[in-house]
Amino acid sequence: MDKFGIFVMPAVVFCIILFGFIRKVPVFDTFVSGAKEGLRSTVSILPSLIGLIMAVSMLSASGALDLLSSLLAPVANWIGLPKQAMPLALIRPISGSGSTAVLFRIFQDYGPDSFIGRVSSVMSGSTETTFYAIAVYFGAVGIRKTRHTIPAALTADLTVCIVSALTVRLLFS
């Protein structure tokens, strides 16, 4: 099976090139055109990404995330969410890598099989990096007004936070 994995990617690339030749598509020219378009998209979303990364770094380094988590701890307790999972709930809509770091810290401190670890796992796997996705996808196509996207996405994230604790209680109690 290890050898199979080594050959999959070259086989896929070969099949794409073969398909292009069969359909009489100028494969190299199409590749270069796509690479140029990808580079333009990368440059167009770069300011949004830099701003987002800087905001997450400042939020974490300033201690604002911990302060906000402790302020929201009574609300978390009321909805049955462990207060230790609050930093993950707060950072997940903003940053995927930041939330992965928080999830890893939760696993180290409480273990992945603890109630806190399970709730955090469900929460991490079921929520989206809302602001990152909006910055990348909306920025790539030039959409400035997000209209109902952010409220709808954050409502979905809040629902997941509540349901994750409930689901883990129902399945593992």
Foldseek 3Di string as FASTA:
>chain_A
DVVVVVCPVVVVVVVVVVVCVVVVHPVVVVVVVVVVLVVVLCVQLVVVVVVLVVVVVCCVVVCVLVVVLVVCCVVCVVLQQHSLLSSLLVCALRDLVVSVVSLVVCCVVPNCPDLNNQLSVQLSVQAHNNSVCCSNPCSSVVNDDPDCRVVVRNVSSVVSSSVSSVVCVVPPD
